[in-house]
Amino acid sequence: MESGWLVRRATPPNLVSMARALLAPVILVFLFAQERGWAVALFGLSLATDWLDGFLARRLSMVSDTGRVLDPLADNIVAGAVAIALAVRGEMPWWTVAILLVRDAGLVAGAVAVAKHGEEMPPTNVLAKITFAAVEVMVLVHLADWQFLEGPALWAGTAAAVVSAVFYARTGIAYSRKDAS
């Protein structure tokens, strides 16, 4: 491995994304310690760091394939971990969490397919941003225990996840056909 490989990838935006991913276990500790206020605050911090890493990447001209993979991966680690924890606690339906996990598996498979073809990771599209917002709001609403918003947030987040899962599946099929050609 080339000596500067890690150094080139350890850019400020990528370090922010990594820090966001590392917030997941801390949020879970607070959630299971019955310190929901801290869990909500740290989840909010993770949302803020998602904005920050994108801002830094653009401002510092450090947009990279590593960042294009690391940023949504960090988002999905935090949201997925919290959603699983909420399902374990009986505060979010397992079927919703299963849909999120299938979608995330599709996202990872898509990233692998793109890398396998030696192509550059595409920038985040509008569908991905809408899905991210809907899923994050859904998880936040359940985490904050805002019961009056749980139903609408659950359906919006789940619907967005299903639509994006279908999109990832179609993309994966298209790459599979490239392999067959």
N, C-alpha and C. Protein backbone atom coordinates (compact mmCIF):
# COMPACT_ATOMS: atom_id res chain seq x y z
N MET A 1 0.84 -1.17 0.00
CA MET A 1 0.00 0.00 0.00
C MET A 1 0.89 1.23 0.00
N GLU A 2 0.55 2.15 -0.79
CA GLU A 2 1.27 3.41 -0.93
C GLU A 2 1.24 4.17 0.41
N SER A 3 2.34 4.82 0.79
CA SER A 3 2.45 5.45 2.10
C SER A 3 1.47 6.59 2.32
N GLY A 4 1.10 7.32 1.30
CA GLY A 4 0.21 8.46 1.49
C GLY A 4 -1.26 8.14 1.31
N TRP A 5 -1.62 6.86 1.16
CA TRP A 5 -2.99 6.47 0.91
C TRP A 5 -3.93 6.98 2.00
N LEU A 6 -3.63 6.69 3.25
CA LEU A 6 -4.48 7.10 4.36
C LEU A 6 -4.47 8.61 4.52
N VAL A 7 -3.31 9.21 4.41
CA VAL A 7 -3.19 10.66 4.58
C VAL A 7 -4.04 11.39 3.55
N ARG A 8 -4.05 10.92 2.32
CA ARG A 8 -4.86 11.58 1.28
C ARG A 8 -6.35 11.47 1.55
N ARG A 9 -6.75 10.43 2.22
CA ARG A 9 -8.17 10.22 2.50
C ARG A 9 -8.61 10.83 3.83
N ALA A 10 -7.68 11.13 4.72
CA ALA A 10 -7.99 11.70 6.03
C ALA A 10 -8.12 13.22 5.93
N THR A 11 -9.00 13.67 5.05
CA THR A 11 -9.24 15.10 4.88
C THR A 11 -10.19 15.58 5.97
N PRO A 12 -10.23 16.87 6.23
CA PRO A 12 -11.17 17.38 7.24
C PRO A 12 -12.62 16.92 7.02
N PRO A 13 -13.16 16.99 5.79
CA PRO A 13 -14.55 16.52 5.64
C PRO A 13 -14.71 15.03 5.95
N ASN A 14 -13.73 14.22 5.55
CA ASN A 14 -13.82 12.78 5.82
C ASN A 14 -13.66 12.48 7.31
N LEU A 15 -12.84 13.26 8.00
CA LEU A 15 -12.69 13.08 9.45
C LEU A 15 -14.00 13.43 10.17
N VAL A 16 -14.70 14.45 9.68
CA VAL A 16 -16.00 14.81 10.26
C VAL A 16 -16.99 13.66 10.05
N SER A 17 -16.99 13.07 8.85
CA SER A 17 -17.88 11.93 8.58
C SER A 17 -17.54 10.76 9.49
N MET A 18 -16.24 10.48 9.68
CA MET A 18 -15.85 9.39 10.57
C MET A 18 -16.28 9.66 12.00
N ALA A 19 -16.13 10.90 12.44
CA ALA A 19 -16.56 11.27 13.80
C ALA A 19 -18.07 11.07 13.95
N ARG A 20 -18.82 11.41 12.89
CA ARG A 20 -20.27 11.21 12.94
C ARG A 20 -20.59 9.73 13.12
N ALA A 21 -19.94 8.87 12.38
CA ALA A 21 -20.18 7.43 12.52
C ALA A 21 -19.87 6.96 13.94
N LEU A 22 -18.83 7.54 14.54
CA LEU A 22 -18.45 7.15 15.90
C LEU A 22 -19.42 7.67 16.96
N LEU A 23 -20.31 8.60 16.57
CA LEU A 23 -21.34 9.07 17.51
C LEU A 23 -22.39 7.99 17.77
N ALA A 24 -22.58 7.07 16.83
CA ALA A 24 -23.64 6.07 16.97
C ALA A 24 -23.58 5.31 18.30
N PRO A 25 -22.44 4.72 18.67
CA PRO A 25 -22.45 3.98 19.94
C PRO A 25 -22.65 4.90 21.15
N VAL A 26 -22.20 6.12 21.06
CA VAL A 26 -22.39 7.06 22.18
C VAL A 26 -23.87 7.38 22.34
N ILE A 27 -24.55 7.61 21.23
CA ILE A 27 -25.99 7.87 21.27
C ILE A 27 -26.71 6.68 21.89
N LEU A 28 -26.32 5.47 21.51
CA LEU A 28 -26.95 4.27 22.04
C LEU A 28 -26.73 4.13 23.54
N VAL A 29 -25.54 4.46 24.00
CA VAL A 29 -25.26 4.39 25.44
C VAL A 29 -26.22 5.31 26.18
N PHE A 30 -26.38 6.54 25.70
CA PHE A 30 -27.29 7.46 26.37
C PHE A 30 -28.74 6.99 26.27
N LEU A 31 -29.13 6.45 25.13
CA LEU A 31 -30.50 5.98 24.96
C LEU A 31 -30.81 4.86 25.95
N PHE A 32 -29.92 3.87 26.05
CA PHE A 32 -30.16 2.74 26.94
C PHE A 32 -29.92 3.09 28.41
N ALA A 33 -29.23 4.19 28.68
CA ALA A 33 -29.03 4.66 30.05
C ALA A 33 -30.18 5.57 30.49
N GLN A 34 -31.22 5.63 29.67
CA GLN A 34 -32.39 6.45 29.96
C GLN A 34 -32.07 7.95 29.99
N GLU A 35 -31.08 8.35 29.24
CA GLU A 35 -30.70 9.75 29.10
C GLU A 35 -31.11 10.21 27.71
N ARG A 36 -32.40 10.18 27.46
CA ARG A 36 -32.92 10.46 26.13
C ARG A 36 -32.57 11.86 25.64
N GLY A 37 -32.56 12.84 26.53
CA GLY A 37 -32.20 14.20 26.14
C GLY A 37 -30.82 14.26 25.51
N TRP A 38 -29.87 13.57 26.13
CA TRP A 38 -28.51 13.53 25.57
C TRP A 38 -28.47 12.79 24.25
N ALA A 39 -29.24 11.70 24.17
CA ALA A 39 -29.29 10.93 22.92
C ALA A 39 -29.84 11.80 21.80
N VAL A 40 -30.90 12.56 22.08
CA VAL A 40 -31.49 13.43 21.07
C VAL A 40 -30.50 14.53 20.68
N ALA A 41 -29.83 15.11 21.68
CA ALA A 41 -28.86 16.18 21.38
C ALA A 41 -27.72 15.66 20.51
N LEU A 42 -27.22 14.48 20.81
CA LEU A 42 -26.12 13.92 20.00
C LEU A 42 -26.60 13.52 18.61
N PHE A 43 -27.83 13.06 18.51
CA PHE A 43 -28.38 12.77 17.18
C PHE A 43 -28.48 14.07 16.38
N GLY A 44 -28.91 15.13 17.04
CA GLY A 44 -28.93 16.45 16.39
C GLY A 44 -27.55 16.89 15.96
N LEU A 45 -26.54 16.61 16.79
CA LEU A 45 -25.16 16.93 16.44
C LEU A 45 -24.73 16.14 15.20
N SER A 46 -25.17 14.88 15.12
CA SER A 46 -24.81 14.09 13.95
C SER A 46 -25.43 14.69 12.69
N LEU A 47 -26.65 15.22 12.80
CA LEU A 47 -27.28 15.89 11.66
C LEU A 47 -26.48 17.13 11.26
N ALA A 48 -26.02 17.87 12.24
CA ALA A 48 -25.23 19.08 11.96
C ALA A 48 -23.90 18.73 11.30
N THR A 49 -23.28 17.65 11.73
CA THR A 49 -22.00 17.28 11.13
C THR A 49 -22.18 16.79 9.69
N ASP A 50 -23.37 16.30 9.37
CA ASP A 50 -23.63 15.92 7.98
C ASP A 50 -23.58 17.16 7.10
N TRP A 51 -24.16 18.22 7.56
CA TRP A 51 -24.08 19.48 6.81
C TRP A 51 -22.63 19.96 6.77
N LEU A 52 -21.93 19.87 7.91
CA LEU A 52 -20.57 20.40 8.01
C LEU A 52 -19.60 19.69 7.06
N ASP A 53 -19.66 18.37 6.98
CA ASP A 53 -18.69 17.69 6.10
C ASP A 53 -18.90 18.05 4.64
N GLY A 54 -20.15 18.21 4.23
CA GLY A 54 -20.41 18.63 2.86
C GLY A 54 -19.93 20.05 2.59
N PHE A 55 -20.18 20.92 3.56
CA PHE A 55 -19.73 22.31 3.44
C PHE A 55 -18.20 22.36 3.31
N LEU A 56 -17.51 21.63 4.19
CA LEU A 56 -16.05 21.63 4.16
C LEU A 56 -15.52 21.05 2.84
N ALA A 57 -16.14 19.97 2.39
CA ALA A 57 -15.68 19.34 1.15
C ALA A 57 -15.77 20.33 -0.01
N ARG A 58 -16.88 21.05 -0.09
CA ARG A 58 -17.03 22.01 -1.19
C ARG A 58 -16.13 23.23 -0.98
N ARG A 59 -16.10 23.77 0.22
CA ARG A 59 -15.33 24.99 0.51
C ARG A 59 -13.83 24.77 0.35
N LEU A 60 -13.35 23.59 0.76
CA LEU A 60 -11.92 23.29 0.70
C LEU A 60 -11.54 22.55 -0.59
N SER A 61 -12.48 22.40 -1.50
CA SER A 61 -12.26 21.65 -2.74
C SER A 61 -11.71 20.25 -2.44
N MET A 62 -12.36 19.58 -1.50
CA MET A 62 -11.94 18.24 -1.10
C MET A 62 -13.03 17.20 -1.32
N VAL A 63 -13.87 17.42 -2.33
CA VAL A 63 -14.87 16.43 -2.69
C VAL A 63 -14.12 15.22 -3.27
N SER A 64 -14.45 14.03 -2.78
CA SER A 64 -13.70 12.84 -3.21
C SER A 64 -14.62 11.63 -3.27
N ASP A 65 -14.15 10.59 -3.96
CA ASP A 65 -14.89 9.33 -3.97
C ASP A 65 -14.99 8.77 -2.55
N THR A 66 -13.92 8.90 -1.78
CA THR A 66 -13.94 8.42 -0.40
C THR A 66 -15.05 9.12 0.37
N GLY A 67 -15.14 10.42 0.22
CA GLY A 67 -16.17 11.19 0.91
C GLY A 67 -17.57 10.85 0.42
N ARG A 68 -17.69 10.59 -0.88
CA ARG A 68 -19.00 10.23 -1.44
C ARG A 68 -19.51 8.89 -0.90
N VAL A 69 -18.60 8.04 -0.46
CA VAL A 69 -18.99 6.77 0.16
C VAL A 69 -19.12 6.95 1.67
N LEU A 70 -18.15 7.61 2.27
CA LEU A 70 -18.09 7.74 3.72
C LEU A 70 -19.25 8.56 4.28
N ASP A 71 -19.64 9.63 3.61
CA ASP A 71 -20.71 10.49 4.12
C ASP A 71 -22.03 9.74 4.26
N PRO A 72 -22.57 9.11 3.20
CA PRO A 72 -23.83 8.38 3.40
C PRO A 72 -23.67 7.16 4.29
N LEU A 73 -22.48 6.56 4.30
CA LEU A 73 -22.25 5.43 5.18
C LEU A 73 -22.37 5.87 6.64
N ALA A 74 -21.77 7.00 6.98
CA ALA A 74 -21.87 7.53 8.34
C ALA A 74 -23.33 7.84 8.69
N ASP A 75 -24.05 8.45 7.74
CA ASP A 75 -25.47 8.75 7.97
C ASP A 75 -26.23 7.47 8.29
N ASN A 76 -26.00 6.45 7.48
CA ASN A 76 -26.74 5.20 7.64
C ASN A 76 -26.33 4.44 8.88
N ILE A 77 -25.09 4.55 9.30
CA ILE A 77 -24.66 3.91 10.54
C ILE A 77 -25.40 4.52 11.72
N VAL A 78 -25.44 5.83 11.78
CA VAL A 78 -26.10 6.50 12.91
C VAL A 78 -27.60 6.22 12.89
N ALA A 79 -28.25 6.50 11.76
CA ALA A 79 -29.70 6.31 11.69
C ALA A 79 -30.07 4.84 11.88
N GLY A 80 -29.31 3.94 11.27
CA GLY A 80 -29.60 2.52 11.39
C GLY A 80 -29.42 2.01 12.81
N ALA A 81 -28.35 2.41 13.46
CA ALA A 81 -28.10 1.97 14.84
C ALA A 81 -29.21 2.45 15.77
N VAL A 82 -29.58 3.71 15.62
CA VAL A 82 -30.63 4.27 16.49
C VAL A 82 -31.97 3.61 16.18
N ALA A 83 -32.27 3.40 14.89
CA ALA A 83 -33.53 2.74 14.53
C ALA A 83 -33.59 1.32 15.10
N ILE A 84 -32.51 0.58 15.00
CA ILE A 84 -32.47 -0.77 15.57
C ILE A 84 -32.69 -0.72 17.08
N ALA A 85 -32.01 0.21 17.74
CA ALA A 85 -32.17 0.35 19.19
C ALA A 85 -33.61 0.69 19.56
N LEU A 86 -34.22 1.57 18.79
CA LEU A 86 -35.62 1.92 19.05
C LEU A 86 -36.54 0.73 18.83
N ALA A 87 -36.25 -0.09 17.83
CA ALA A 87 -37.05 -1.29 17.59
C ALA A 87 -36.87 -2.28 18.74
N VAL A 88 -35.64 -2.44 19.21
CA VAL A 88 -35.37 -3.33 20.34
C VAL A 88 -36.19 -2.88 21.56
N ARG A 89 -36.30 -1.57 21.74
CA ARG A 89 -37.05 -1.01 22.86
C ARG A 89 -38.56 -1.01 22.60
N GLY A 90 -39.00 -1.45 21.43
CA GLY A 90 -40.41 -1.47 21.10
C GLY A 90 -40.98 -0.11 20.72
N GLU A 91 -40.10 0.81 20.33
CA GLU A 91 -40.51 2.18 20.04
C GLU A 91 -40.56 2.49 18.55
N MET A 92 -40.17 1.54 17.73
CA MET A 92 -40.24 1.69 16.28
C MET A 92 -40.50 0.30 15.71
N PRO A 93 -41.36 0.21 14.71
CA PRO A 93 -41.68 -1.12 14.16
C PRO A 93 -40.47 -1.77 13.47
N TRP A 94 -40.35 -3.08 13.69
CA TRP A 94 -39.25 -3.83 13.08
C TRP A 94 -39.35 -3.83 11.57
N TRP A 95 -40.56 -3.84 11.02
CA TRP A 95 -40.70 -3.88 9.56
C TRP A 95 -40.09 -2.63 8.93
N THR A 96 -40.19 -1.50 9.60
CA THR A 96 -39.57 -0.27 9.08
C THR A 96 -38.06 -0.39 9.12
N VAL A 97 -37.55 -0.91 10.22
CA VAL A 97 -36.10 -1.08 10.35
C VAL A 97 -35.59 -2.05 9.29
N ALA A 98 -36.34 -3.10 9.01
CA ALA A 98 -35.95 -4.07 7.98
C ALA A 98 -35.85 -3.38 6.61
N ILE A 99 -36.82 -2.52 6.31
CA ILE A 99 -36.77 -1.78 5.04
C ILE A 99 -35.53 -0.90 4.98
N LEU A 100 -35.23 -0.23 6.08
CA LEU A 100 -34.02 0.63 6.10
C LEU A 100 -32.76 -0.20 5.88
N LEU A 101 -32.70 -1.36 6.51
CA LEU A 101 -31.50 -2.19 6.38
C LEU A 101 -31.36 -2.76 4.97
N VAL A 102 -32.47 -3.14 4.34
CA VAL A 102 -32.42 -3.62 2.96
C VAL A 102 -31.95 -2.49 2.05
N ARG A 103 -32.50 -1.30 2.26
CA ARG A 103 -32.08 -0.15 1.45
C ARG A 103 -30.59 0.12 1.63
N ASP A 104 -30.12 0.08 2.87
CA ASP A 104 -28.71 0.32 3.14
C ASP A 104 -27.83 -0.75 2.49
N ALA A 105 -28.28 -1.99 2.51
CA ALA A 105 -27.53 -3.06 1.83
C ALA A 105 -27.46 -2.78 0.34
N GLY A 106 -28.54 -2.27 -0.22
CA GLY A 106 -28.54 -1.91 -1.64
C GLY A 106 -27.58 -0.77 -1.93
N LEU A 107 -27.52 0.17 -1.03
CA LEU A 107 -26.59 1.29 -1.18
C LEU A 107 -25.15 0.80 -1.18
N VAL A 108 -24.83 -0.09 -0.25
CA VAL A 108 -23.47 -0.64 -0.18
C VAL A 108 -23.17 -1.47 -1.43
N ALA A 109 -24.13 -2.29 -1.85
CA ALA A 109 -23.92 -3.10 -3.06
C ALA A 109 -23.72 -2.21 -4.28
N GLY A 110 -24.46 -1.13 -4.34
CA GLY A 110 -24.29 -0.19 -5.46
C GLY A 110 -22.92 0.44 -5.46
N ALA A 111 -22.44 0.83 -4.28
CA ALA A 111 -21.10 1.43 -4.18
C ALA A 111 -20.03 0.43 -4.61
N VAL A 112 -20.20 -0.82 -4.23
CA VAL A 112 -19.26 -1.86 -4.62
C VAL A 112 -19.28 -2.05 -6.14
N ALA A 113 -20.49 -2.05 -6.73
CA ALA A 113 -20.61 -2.24 -8.18
C ALA A 113 -19.95 -1.09 -8.93
N VAL A 114 -20.14 0.13 -8.44
CA VAL A 114 -19.51 1.29 -9.08
C VAL A 114 -17.99 1.17 -9.00
N ALA A 115 -17.50 0.81 -7.81
CA ALA A 115 -16.05 0.67 -7.63
C ALA A 115 -15.50 -0.45 -8.50
N LYS A 116 -16.25 -1.55 -8.61
CA LYS A 116 -15.82 -2.69 -9.42
C LYS A 116 -15.63 -2.30 -10.88
N HIS A 117 -16.46 -1.39 -11.35
CA HIS A 117 -16.35 -0.92 -12.73
C HIS A 117 -15.35 0.20 -12.88
N GLY A 118 -14.69 0.56 -11.78
CA GLY A 118 -13.68 1.61 -11.84
C GLY A 118 -14.26 2.98 -12.15
N GLU A 119 -15.53 3.14 -11.87
CA GLU A 119 -16.17 4.42 -12.15
C GLU A 119 -16.15 5.31 -10.92
N GLU A 120 -16.28 6.59 -11.15
CA GLU A 120 -16.34 7.56 -10.06
C GLU A 120 -17.71 7.48 -9.42
N MET A 121 -17.75 7.59 -8.09
CA MET A 121 -19.03 7.60 -7.38
C MET A 121 -19.83 8.81 -7.84
N PRO A 122 -21.08 8.61 -8.18
CA PRO A 122 -21.90 9.75 -8.59
C PRO A 122 -22.19 10.65 -7.40
N PRO A 123 -22.39 11.94 -7.66
CA PRO A 123 -22.75 12.82 -6.55
C PRO A 123 -24.14 12.45 -6.02
N THR A 124 -24.42 12.86 -4.81
CA THR A 124 -25.71 12.59 -4.20
C THR A 124 -26.81 13.26 -5.03
N ASN A 125 -27.85 12.50 -5.32
CA ASN A 125 -28.95 13.06 -6.11
C ASN A 125 -30.08 13.54 -5.20
N VAL A 126 -31.09 14.15 -5.80
CA VAL A 126 -32.20 14.71 -5.04
C VAL A 126 -32.95 13.62 -4.27
N LEU A 127 -33.15 12.46 -4.90
CA LEU A 127 -33.83 11.36 -4.22
C LEU A 127 -33.10 10.97 -2.95
N ALA A 128 -31.78 10.87 -3.02
CA ALA A 128 -31.00 10.50 -1.85
C ALA A 128 -31.14 11.55 -0.75
N LYS A 129 -31.15 12.81 -1.12
CA LYS A 129 -31.29 13.88 -0.12
C LYS A 129 -32.67 13.87 0.53
N ILE A 130 -33.71 13.65 -0.28
CA ILE A 130 -35.07 13.57 0.27
C ILE A 130 -35.19 12.37 1.19
N THR A 131 -34.66 11.24 0.75
CA THR A 131 -34.71 10.03 1.57
C THR A 131 -33.97 10.24 2.88
N PHE A 132 -32.77 10.81 2.80
CA PHE A 132 -32.00 11.08 4.01
C PHE A 132 -32.81 11.94 4.97
N ALA A 133 -33.39 13.01 4.47
CA ALA A 133 -34.16 13.91 5.32
C ALA A 133 -35.35 13.19 5.95
N ALA A 134 -36.09 12.43 5.15
CA ALA A 134 -37.27 11.73 5.66
C ALA A 134 -36.90 10.68 6.70
N VAL A 135 -35.85 9.92 6.44
CA VAL A 135 -35.44 8.88 7.39
C VAL A 135 -34.89 9.51 8.67
N GLU A 136 -34.08 10.53 8.53
CA GLU A 136 -33.53 11.18 9.72
C GLU A 136 -34.63 11.82 10.58
N VAL A 137 -35.60 12.46 9.94
CA VAL A 137 -36.71 13.04 10.69
C VAL A 137 -37.50 11.93 11.39
N MET A 138 -37.74 10.82 10.67
CA MET A 138 -38.46 9.70 11.26
C MET A 138 -37.74 9.19 12.51
N VAL A 139 -36.44 8.98 12.40
CA VAL A 139 -35.67 8.48 13.55
C VAL A 139 -35.66 9.52 14.68
N LEU A 140 -35.45 10.78 14.33
CA LEU A 140 -35.43 11.84 15.34
C LEU A 140 -36.77 11.93 16.08
N VAL A 141 -37.87 11.88 15.35
CA VAL A 141 -39.20 11.96 15.96
C VAL A 141 -39.41 10.81 16.94
N HIS A 142 -39.01 9.61 16.55
CA HIS A 142 -39.14 8.47 17.46
C HIS A 142 -38.18 8.57 18.64
N LEU A 143 -36.96 9.00 18.37
CA LEU A 143 -35.98 9.14 19.45
C LEU A 143 -36.42 10.20 20.45
N ALA A 144 -36.94 11.32 19.95
CA ALA A 144 -37.38 12.40 20.83
C ALA A 144 -38.74 12.09 21.47
N ASP A 145 -39.36 11.00 21.04
CA ASP A 145 -40.65 10.55 21.57
C ASP A 145 -41.75 11.60 21.36
N TRP A 146 -41.72 12.19 20.16
CA TRP A 146 -42.77 13.14 19.77
C TRP A 146 -43.92 12.34 19.18
N GLN A 147 -44.71 11.75 20.04
CA GLN A 147 -45.73 10.79 19.63
C GLN A 147 -46.72 11.35 18.61
N PHE A 148 -47.04 12.61 18.70
CA PHE A 148 -48.02 13.20 17.78
C PHE A 148 -47.50 13.25 16.35
N LEU A 149 -46.19 13.13 16.14
CA LEU A 149 -45.61 13.15 14.80
C LEU A 149 -45.15 11.77 14.33
N GLU A 150 -45.19 10.78 15.20
CA GLU A 150 -44.62 9.47 14.87
C GLU A 150 -45.27 8.82 13.66
N GLY A 151 -46.60 8.86 13.56
CA GLY A 151 -47.29 8.23 12.42
C GLY A 151 -46.89 8.83 11.09
N PRO A 152 -47.07 10.15 10.92
CA PRO A 152 -46.67 10.76 9.65
C PRO A 152 -45.18 10.59 9.34
N ALA A 153 -44.33 10.73 10.34
CA ALA A 153 -42.88 10.58 10.12
C ALA A 153 -42.54 9.15 9.73
N LEU A 154 -43.21 8.19 10.37
CA LEU A 154 -42.96 6.78 10.06
C LEU A 154 -43.31 6.48 8.60
N TRP A 155 -44.47 6.92 8.15
CA TRP A 155 -44.89 6.63 6.78
C TRP A 155 -44.05 7.39 5.76
N ALA A 156 -43.71 8.63 6.04
CA ALA A 156 -42.88 9.40 5.10
C ALA A 156 -41.48 8.79 4.98
N GLY A 157 -40.87 8.45 6.12
CA GLY A 157 -39.53 7.86 6.12
C GLY A 157 -39.50 6.50 5.45
N THR A 158 -40.52 5.69 5.75
CA THR A 158 -40.58 4.36 5.16
C THR A 158 -40.83 4.44 3.65
N ALA A 159 -41.74 5.30 3.23
CA ALA A 159 -42.02 5.45 1.80
C ALA A 159 -40.78 5.91 1.05
N ALA A 160 -40.08 6.89 1.60
CA ALA A 160 -38.85 7.37 0.95
C ALA A 160 -37.82 6.26 0.86
N ALA A 161 -37.69 5.46 1.92
CA ALA A 161 -36.73 4.36 1.91
C ALA A 161 -37.10 3.31 0.86
N VAL A 162 -38.38 3.02 0.71
CA VAL A 162 -38.82 2.05 -0.30
C VAL A 162 -38.51 2.56 -1.70
N VAL A 163 -38.84 3.83 -1.96
CA VAL A 163 -38.58 4.40 -3.28
C VAL A 163 -37.09 4.36 -3.59
N SER A 164 -36.26 4.74 -2.63
CA SER A 164 -34.82 4.73 -2.91
C SER A 164 -34.29 3.30 -3.04
N ALA A 165 -34.86 2.35 -2.29
CA ALA A 165 -34.44 0.94 -2.43
C ALA A 165 -34.73 0.45 -3.85
N VAL A 166 -35.88 0.82 -4.38
CA VAL A 166 -36.22 0.43 -5.76
C VAL A 166 -35.21 1.06 -6.73
N PHE A 167 -34.88 2.32 -6.50
CA PHE A 167 -33.90 3.00 -7.34
C PHE A 167 -32.55 2.28 -7.28
N TYR A 168 -32.09 1.91 -6.07
CA TYR A 168 -30.81 1.21 -5.95
C TYR A 168 -30.87 -0.15 -6.63
N ALA A 169 -32.01 -0.83 -6.51
CA ALA A 169 -32.15 -2.14 -7.16
C ALA A 169 -32.06 -1.99 -8.68
N ARG A 170 -32.72 -0.98 -9.22
CA ARG A 170 -32.66 -0.75 -10.67
C ARG A 170 -31.23 -0.44 -11.10
N THR A 171 -30.54 0.37 -10.31
CA THR A 171 -29.15 0.70 -10.63
C THR A 171 -28.29 -0.56 -10.59
N GLY A 172 -28.50 -1.39 -9.57
CA GLY A 172 -27.74 -2.63 -9.46
C GLY A 172 -27.98 -3.57 -10.61
N ILE A 173 -29.22 -3.64 -11.07
CA ILE A 173 -29.54 -4.48 -12.23
C ILE A 173 -28.85 -3.96 -13.47
N ALA A 174 -28.82 -2.63 -13.62
CA ALA A 174 -28.15 -2.04 -14.78
C ALA A 174 -26.66 -2.39 -14.78
N TYR A 175 -26.01 -2.33 -13.61
CA TYR A 175 -24.59 -2.69 -13.54
C TYR A 175 -24.39 -4.19 -13.77
N SER A 176 -25.35 -5.02 -13.32
CA SER A 176 -25.24 -6.46 -13.55
C SER A 176 -25.29 -6.76 -15.04
N ARG A 177 -26.13 -6.03 -15.74
CA ARG A 177 -26.22 -6.22 -17.19
C ARG A 177 -24.93 -5.81 -17.88
N LYS A 178 -24.26 -4.78 -17.33
CA LYS A 178 -22.95 -4.39 -17.89
C LYS A 178 -21.97 -5.54 -17.75
N ASP A 179 -22.03 -6.22 -16.56
CA ASP A 179 -21.14 -7.36 -16.34
C ASP A 179 -21.41 -8.49 -17.30
N ALA A 180 -22.69 -8.71 -17.63
CA ALA A 180 -23.06 -9.81 -18.52
C ALA A 180 -22.67 -9.51 -19.98
N SER A 181 -22.53 -8.24 -20.31
CA SER A 181 -22.20 -7.87 -21.70
C SER A 181 -20.76 -8.11 -22.03
